[in-house]
Amino acid sequence: MQAAVTVTPAQIPELLLGLATVRPVFLWGAPGIGKSSLVRRFAESLGLECVSLLGTQLAPEDLIGVPQIRDGRSVFCPPEIIARDEPYCLFLDELNAATPDVQKAFYSLILDRRIGSYELPAGSIVIGAGNRATDNALARPIASALVNRLTHVHLRASGADWLVWAGENGIHPWVTDYLVDRPDHLWSQPPKTEEPFSTPRSWHMLSDALHSFGPDVDEQTLKVIVHGTLTPAHAVSFCGYAKIVRHTFGIEAILKGDASWPARLEDRDLLYYLAEAFRGRLVKELPRQKEHVSASMRQVSYRAKSLLVQLAEISVEVAQTVIADDADGLPVLPAWFLIDAARDMPRLVEARR
């Protein structure tokens, strides 16, 4: 299902309060962005127990129950986990990953709030959640009859929301400080191949590992756990950041001339991270139009070009990342600066093309 409108985690509680209390809701979103924890926290805020059913682990009889003979008639007895006397939140996790027979078994429970002769207690709420087919996750088509029984809400990851949550839940400071600078690394599109990728969940996993190993974790172990949890490009960048944290080595020292670009091959991850930080600084400080360039900005431009030359002497590939276009092929740095760079460093710009 495609999202016409998306919401952030911070918007979910108010939306669910208005929707889930009157109609069943289905929460769509990529793997690892916190759908399940949001539902559990919402149920807790209402004072309701959250009962989770995992669609991939259910058979139709797990919902309908088994028949018993009463007064000469067969009666289906729903399972104890569903048939409760007090109101609760029924959370149907990975509903769209369930088989078609299981999805059909949910029809009356979702729309009519009953299954067989059992009816959900007044005050109960029903919320489903699942990944999208475009996420390369296990997802089956949902029949139109089921789609039409639910209100659909599409969730997107939010760096700002997650950092607020992280600050309240003891996430490792390396993780939070890194994502303050690179909120775009919080989540990445699930890859088509079997490899780790960055999500709020994987950053939480990395935080747990960092807490477990402690501040003296060796560099090789750090690389193993970082590359085992994050998107490869994000992992390289984070390892570079970790070196800066450990050695108090940052872009400020390079800009002031107090330090040089790291030239050792084993520091290539650090070099990539510093190049990204350098690019971000130029985007922030250089005006878009040349007529707005002051004398002090000209000095910044001269210094930047000098640093680019030094960087290219170590690695042309890394230097190209500073002046590269964005994902849509549009320039990120001001055109006047790129023209100056092309004049002073023609080989670097030609290689970029």
Protein backbone atom coordinates (compact mmCIF):
# COMPACT_ATOMS: atom_id res chain seq x y z
CA MET A 1 0.00 0.00 0.00
CA GLN A 2 1.39 3.40 -0.97
CA ALA A 3 1.36 6.33 1.44
CA ALA A 4 -0.39 9.51 0.32
CA VAL A 5 0.20 11.14 3.71
CA THR A 6 2.67 10.07 6.41
CA VAL A 7 2.99 10.90 10.11
CA THR A 8 5.84 10.90 12.61
CA PRO A 9 5.93 8.88 15.85
CA ALA A 10 5.14 12.02 17.87
CA GLN A 11 1.82 12.37 16.02
CA ILE A 12 0.74 8.76 16.60
CA PRO A 13 -0.67 8.97 20.18
CA GLU A 14 -3.14 11.75 19.36
CA LEU A 15 -4.17 10.07 16.12
CA LEU A 16 -4.75 6.72 17.79
CA LEU A 17 -6.70 8.38 20.60
CA GLY A 18 -9.15 9.75 18.07
CA LEU A 19 -9.20 6.76 15.71
CA ALA A 20 -8.48 3.51 17.56
CA THR A 21 -11.05 4.22 20.27
CA VAL A 22 -13.85 4.18 17.69
CA ARG A 23 -12.56 2.05 14.78
CA PRO A 24 -9.80 -0.48 14.09
CA VAL A 25 -6.55 1.04 12.79
CA PHE A 26 -3.75 -0.39 10.66
CA LEU A 27 -0.31 1.15 11.15
CA TRP A 28 1.97 0.85 8.09
CA GLY A 29 5.70 1.42 8.15
CA ALA A 30 9.15 0.13 7.32
CA PRO A 31 10.83 -2.50 9.53
CA GLY A 32 12.49 -1.26 12.68
CA ILE A 33 10.94 2.19 13.00
CA GLY A 34 9.06 1.46 16.23
CA LYS A 35 5.49 0.49 15.26
CA SER A 36 5.13 -2.17 17.95
CA SER A 37 6.58 -0.07 20.77
CA LEU A 38 4.33 2.86 19.81
CA VAL A 39 1.23 0.66 20.09
CA ARG A 40 2.34 -0.77 23.42
CA ARG A 41 3.02 2.69 24.86
CA PHE A 42 -0.34 3.94 23.60
CA ALA A 43 -2.17 1.03 25.24
CA GLU A 44 -0.28 1.70 28.47
CA SER A 45 -1.32 5.36 28.35
CA LEU A 46 -4.96 4.22 28.30
CA GLY A 47 -4.41 1.79 31.16
CA LEU A 48 -5.05 -1.19 28.86
CA GLU A 49 -3.08 -4.40 28.66
CA CYS A 50 -1.59 -4.86 25.19
CA VAL A 51 -2.15 -8.39 23.87
CA SER A 52 0.00 -9.03 20.79
CA LEU A 53 -0.78 -11.65 18.17
CA LEU A 54 1.91 -12.23 15.53
CA GLY A 55 0.32 -12.87 12.15
CA THR A 56 3.16 -15.06 10.88
CA GLN A 57 2.75 -17.47 13.81
CA LEU A 58 -1.00 -18.00 13.68
CA ALA A 59 -3.34 -20.54 12.14
CA PRO A 60 -7.10 -19.92 11.73
CA GLU A 61 -7.92 -22.25 14.63
CA ASP A 62 -5.71 -20.15 16.89
CA LEU A 63 -8.35 -17.43 16.57
CA ILE A 64 -11.58 -19.32 16.07
CA GLY A 65 -10.72 -21.80 18.80
CA VAL A 66 -11.65 -25.46 19.12
CA PRO A 67 -15.22 -26.83 19.19
CA GLN A 68 -16.86 -28.20 22.31
CA ILE A 69 -20.26 -29.89 22.74
CA ARG A 70 -22.71 -28.01 24.93
CA ASP A 71 -26.31 -29.13 25.27
CA GLY A 72 -25.91 -31.23 22.17
CA ARG A 73 -24.52 -28.41 20.07
CA SER A 74 -20.98 -27.58 18.99
CA VAL A 75 -19.61 -24.30 20.33
CA PHE A 76 -16.28 -22.78 19.35
CA CYS A 77 -14.22 -21.62 22.30
CA PRO A 78 -11.77 -18.82 21.40
CA PRO A 79 -8.34 -18.99 23.04
CA GLU A 80 -7.79 -17.56 26.49
CA ILE A 81 -5.39 -14.93 25.18
CA ILE A 82 -8.29 -13.36 23.23
CA ALA A 83 -11.33 -14.22 25.35
CA ARG A 84 -10.88 -11.81 28.25
CA ASP A 85 -13.34 -10.25 30.64
CA GLU A 86 -11.67 -6.85 30.96
CA PRO A 87 -11.12 -4.35 28.10
CA TYR A 88 -7.71 -4.54 26.45
CA CYS A 89 -5.75 -3.55 23.35
CA LEU A 90 -5.64 -6.31 20.75
CA PHE A 91 -2.51 -5.73 18.69
CA LEU A 92 -2.39 -7.69 15.42
CA ASP A 93 1.28 -7.42 14.55
CA GLU A 94 2.41 -8.37 11.03
CA LEU A 95 -1.24 -8.83 10.09
CA ASN A 96 -0.52 -8.49 6.40
CA ALA A 97 2.15 -11.22 6.67
CA ALA A 98 -0.49 -13.75 7.79
CA THR A 99 -1.88 -16.31 5.36
CA PRO A 100 -5.17 -15.46 3.60
CA ASP A 101 -7.07 -17.94 5.83
CA VAL A 102 -5.77 -16.23 8.96
CA GLN A 103 -6.62 -12.80 7.55
CA LYS A 104 -10.18 -14.02 6.89
CA ALA A 105 -10.43 -15.28 10.46
CA PHE A 106 -9.78 -11.70 11.61
CA TYR A 107 -12.65 -10.18 9.60
CA SER A 108 -15.40 -10.39 12.22
CA LEU A 109 -12.98 -9.68 15.07
CA ILE A 110 -11.82 -6.47 13.39
CA LEU A 111 -15.15 -5.15 12.15
CA ASP A 112 -17.75 -6.64 14.53
CA ARG A 113 -15.42 -6.98 17.55
CA ARG A 114 -16.51 -10.57 18.00
CA ILE A 115 -15.35 -14.04 17.10
CA GLY A 116 -17.91 -16.81 17.34
CA SER A 117 -20.05 -16.08 20.39
CA TYR A 118 -17.31 -14.07 22.13
CA GLU A 119 -17.42 -10.28 21.94
CA LEU A 120 -14.58 -7.96 22.92
CA PRO A 121 -15.35 -6.15 26.20
CA ALA A 122 -16.53 -2.55 25.87
CA GLY A 123 -13.56 -0.19 25.84
CA SER A 124 -11.29 -2.60 23.98
CA ILE A 125 -9.36 -1.37 20.93
CA VAL A 126 -7.99 -3.21 17.89
CA ILE A 127 -4.80 -2.07 16.15
CA GLY A 128 -2.95 -3.85 13.35
CA ALA A 129 0.53 -3.16 11.99
CA GLY A 130 2.72 -4.37 9.17
CA ASN A 131 5.47 -3.65 6.68
CA ARG A 132 4.94 -2.64 3.08
CA ALA A 133 5.74 -4.84 0.10
CA THR A 134 8.27 -2.20 -1.03
CA ASP A 135 10.27 -2.82 2.19
CA ASN A 136 11.50 -6.21 0.95
CA ALA A 137 9.83 -7.69 4.03
CA LEU A 138 7.36 -10.56 4.30
CA ALA A 139 4.07 -9.01 3.24
CA ARG A 140 1.05 -10.50 1.50
CA PRO A 141 -1.69 -8.62 -0.37
CA ILE A 142 -4.63 -7.71 1.85
CA ALA A 143 -8.06 -8.45 0.44
CA SER A 144 -10.20 -5.40 -0.24
CA ALA A 145 -12.73 -6.63 2.33
CA LEU A 146 -10.08 -6.40 5.04
CA VAL A 147 -8.59 -3.14 3.74
CA ASN A 148 -12.04 -1.58 3.98
CA ARG A 149 -12.44 -2.69 7.60
CA LEU A 150 -9.48 -0.61 8.77
CA THR A 151 -8.36 3.02 8.97
CA HIS A 152 -4.85 3.20 7.51
CA VAL A 153 -2.06 5.33 8.98
CA HIS A 154 1.42 5.47 7.43
CA LEU A 155 4.36 6.01 9.78
CA ARG A 156 7.73 7.47 8.81
CA ALA A 157 10.92 7.62 10.86
CA SER A 158 11.71 10.98 12.45
CA GLY A 159 15.18 11.85 13.70
CA ALA A 160 13.87 14.58 16.00
CA ASP A 161 11.25 12.30 17.58
CA TRP A 162 13.70 9.45 18.03
CA LEU A 163 16.35 11.64 19.65
CA VAL A 164 13.79 12.83 22.22
CA TRP A 165 12.97 9.20 22.98
CA ALA A 166 16.67 8.26 23.05
CA GLY A 167 17.43 10.97 25.59
CA GLU A 168 14.81 9.49 27.92
CA ASN A 169 15.87 5.87 27.48
CA GLY A 170 19.60 5.78 28.05
CA ILE A 171 20.78 5.46 24.47
CA HIS A 172 24.58 5.58 24.23
CA PRO A 173 25.87 9.17 23.84
CA TRP A 174 27.97 8.24 20.80
CA VAL A 175 24.77 7.22 19.03
CA THR A 176 22.73 10.27 20.03
CA ASP A 177 25.53 12.76 19.33
CA TYR A 178 26.19 11.20 15.94
CA LEU A 179 22.53 11.32 14.93
CA VAL A 180 22.23 14.93 16.04
CA ASP A 181 24.74 15.69 13.28
CA ARG A 182 23.42 13.09 10.81
CA PRO A 183 19.66 12.62 11.39
CA ASP A 184 19.41 11.42 7.77
CA HIS A 185 21.29 8.28 8.86
CA LEU A 186 18.56 7.21 11.30
CA TRP A 187 16.84 5.13 8.64
CA SER A 188 17.67 3.79 5.21
CA GLN A 189 15.63 1.90 2.64
CA PRO A 190 15.79 -1.88 3.21
CA PRO A 191 18.26 -3.34 0.70
CA LYS A 192 17.42 -5.98 -1.87
CA THR A 193 20.34 -8.09 -0.62
CA GLU A 194 20.83 -9.71 2.77
CA GLU A 195 22.81 -7.10 4.65
CA PRO A 196 22.25 -4.89 7.73
CA PHE A 197 20.51 -1.56 7.27
CA SER A 198 19.99 1.43 9.54
CA THR A 199 16.72 1.81 11.44
CA PRO A 200 15.82 3.19 14.88
CA ARG A 201 15.85 -0.44 16.05
CA SER A 202 19.35 -1.12 14.71
CA TRP A 203 20.71 2.08 16.31
CA HIS A 204 19.19 0.88 19.60
CA MET A 205 20.94 -2.46 19.09
CA LEU A 206 24.24 -0.68 18.48
CA SER A 207 23.70 1.39 21.64
CA ASP A 208 23.15 -1.77 23.69
CA ALA A 209 26.37 -3.26 22.27
CA LEU A 210 28.36 -0.11 23.04
CA HIS A 211 27.07 -0.11 26.62
CA SER A 212 27.96 -3.79 26.92
CA PHE A 213 31.56 -3.47 25.68
CA GLY A 214 32.21 -0.19 27.49
CA PRO A 215 34.42 2.77 26.52
CA ASP A 216 37.52 0.61 26.07
CA VAL A 217 36.10 -1.43 23.18
CA ASP A 218 38.91 -2.03 20.70
CA GLU A 219 38.74 -0.66 17.17
CA GLN A 220 38.29 -4.04 15.45
CA THR A 221 35.45 -5.07 17.75
CA LEU A 222 33.81 -1.69 17.22
CA LYS A 223 33.93 -2.20 13.46
CA VAL A 224 32.36 -5.66 13.81
CA ILE A 225 29.37 -4.45 15.85
CA VAL A 226 28.85 -1.26 13.81
CA HIS A 227 29.00 -3.04 10.44
CA GLY A 228 26.77 -5.75 11.92
CA THR A 229 23.95 -3.31 12.67
CA LEU A 230 24.06 -0.38 10.23
CA THR A 231 23.90 0.33 6.52
CA PRO A 232 27.51 -0.10 5.22
CA ALA A 233 27.97 3.59 4.32
CA HIS A 234 26.57 4.66 7.70
CA ALA A 235 28.83 2.15 9.45
CA VAL A 236 31.95 3.62 7.83
CA SER A 237 30.85 7.12 8.80
CA PHE A 238 30.08 6.13 12.40
CA CYS A 239 33.45 4.42 12.83
CA GLY A 240 35.08 7.63 11.63
CA TYR A 241 33.04 9.59 14.14
CA ALA A 242 34.08 7.21 16.93
CA LYS A 243 37.73 7.90 16.14
CA ILE A 244 37.08 11.62 16.45
CA VAL A 245 35.40 11.12 19.82
CA ARG A 246 38.31 9.02 21.08
CA HIS A 247 41.08 11.25 19.80
CA THR A 248 39.37 14.66 20.05
CA PHE A 249 40.15 15.06 16.36
CA GLY A 250 37.57 17.07 14.45
CA ILE A 251 36.89 19.20 11.41
CA GLU A 252 37.39 22.36 13.47
CA ALA A 253 41.09 21.56 13.91
CA ILE A 254 41.49 20.99 10.17
CA LEU A 255 39.68 24.22 9.23
CA LYS A 256 41.89 26.21 11.61
CA GLY A 257 45.05 24.58 10.28
CA ASP A 258 45.83 22.94 13.62
CA ALA A 259 45.58 19.46 12.08
CA SER A 260 45.86 17.83 8.67
CA TRP A 261 43.63 15.35 6.87
CA PRO A 262 44.38 11.84 8.19
CA ALA A 263 46.44 10.14 5.47
CA ARG A 264 46.83 6.59 6.80
CA LEU A 265 44.95 3.92 4.86
CA GLU A 266 43.56 2.50 8.11
CA ASP A 267 42.01 5.93 8.83
CA ARG A 268 40.02 6.01 5.59
CA ASP A 269 36.71 5.77 7.48
CA LEU A 270 37.74 8.82 9.51
CA LEU A 271 38.68 10.63 6.30
CA TYR A 272 35.23 9.96 4.80
CA TYR A 273 33.53 11.22 7.94
CA LEU A 274 35.61 14.40 8.02
CA ALA A 275 34.92 14.98 4.31
CA GLU A 276 31.18 14.74 5.01
CA ALA A 277 31.54 17.20 7.88
CA PHE A 278 33.56 19.53 5.62
CA ARG A 279 30.85 19.37 2.93
CA GLY A 280 28.16 20.12 5.52
CA ARG A 281 30.10 23.12 6.79
CA LEU A 282 30.46 24.53 3.26
CA VAL A 283 26.76 24.06 2.55
CA LYS A 284 25.98 25.95 5.74
CA GLU A 285 28.45 28.81 5.40
CA LEU A 286 28.82 29.58 1.68
CA PRO A 287 26.10 31.87 0.25
CA ARG A 288 24.19 30.58 -2.77
CA GLN A 289 24.83 33.70 -4.85
CA LYS A 290 28.33 35.03 -5.58
CA GLU A 291 27.23 38.66 -5.21
CA HIS A 292 26.55 37.91 -1.55
CA VAL A 293 30.11 36.76 -0.94
CA SER A 294 31.79 39.03 1.60
CA ALA A 295 35.52 39.44 2.11
CA SER A 296 35.46 36.97 4.99
CA MET A 297 33.54 34.49 2.84
CA ARG A 298 36.18 34.80 0.11
CA GLN A 299 38.76 33.77 2.68
CA VAL A 300 36.60 30.78 3.61
CA SER A 301 36.34 29.89 -0.08
CA TYR A 302 40.13 30.11 -0.58
CA ARG A 303 40.73 27.97 2.50
CA ALA A 304 38.13 25.44 1.34
CA LYS A 305 39.74 25.07 -2.08
CA SER A 306 43.15 24.64 -0.45
CA LEU A 307 41.76 21.93 1.80
CA LEU A 308 40.15 20.24 -1.21
CA VAL A 309 43.52 20.12 -2.97
CA GLN A 310 45.11 18.58 0.13
CA LEU A 311 42.26 16.09 0.42
CA ALA A 312 42.55 15.12 -3.26
CA GLU A 313 46.24 14.43 -2.80
CA ILE A 314 45.29 11.76 -0.28
CA SER A 315 42.20 10.44 -2.09
CA VAL A 316 40.51 11.86 -5.19
CA GLU A 317 37.50 9.65 -4.46
CA VAL A 318 36.99 11.14 -1.00
CA ALA A 319 37.52 14.68 -2.31
CA GLN A 320 34.82 14.07 -4.92
CA THR A 321 32.28 13.35 -2.18
CA VAL A 322 32.67 16.96 -1.00
CA ILE A 323 31.60 18.49 -4.33
CA ALA A 324 29.25 15.68 -5.43
CA ASP A 325 25.64 16.31 -6.50
CA ASP A 326 22.74 15.05 -4.39
CA ALA A 327 20.76 11.86 -5.07
CA ASP A 328 18.66 13.69 -7.68
CA GLY A 329 21.73 14.90 -9.59
CA LEU A 330 21.42 18.49 -8.37
CA PRO A 331 24.38 20.51 -7.06
CA VAL A 332 24.60 20.81 -3.29
CA LEU A 333 27.36 23.42 -3.10
CA PRO A 334 26.86 26.89 -4.64
CA ALA A 335 27.43 27.04 -8.39
CA TRP A 336 29.99 29.86 -8.11
CA PHE A 337 32.15 27.75 -5.77
CA LEU A 338 31.96 24.73 -8.10
CA ILE A 339 33.01 26.96 -11.03
CA ASP A 340 35.99 28.23 -9.03
CA ALA A 341 36.84 24.64 -8.10
CA ALA A 342 36.65 23.59 -11.75
CA ARG A 343 39.08 26.37 -12.67
CA ASP A 344 41.54 25.60 -9.89
CA MET A 345 41.12 21.81 -9.81
CA PRO A 346 40.04 20.70 -13.31
CA ARG A 347 41.11 17.09 -12.85
CA LEU A 348 39.02 16.71 -9.68
CA VAL A 349 35.90 18.11 -11.36
CA GLU A 350 36.44 16.03 -14.52
CA ALA A 351 36.74 12.89 -12.42
CA ARG A 352 33.48 13.82 -10.70
CA ARG A 353 31.72 13.69 -14.07
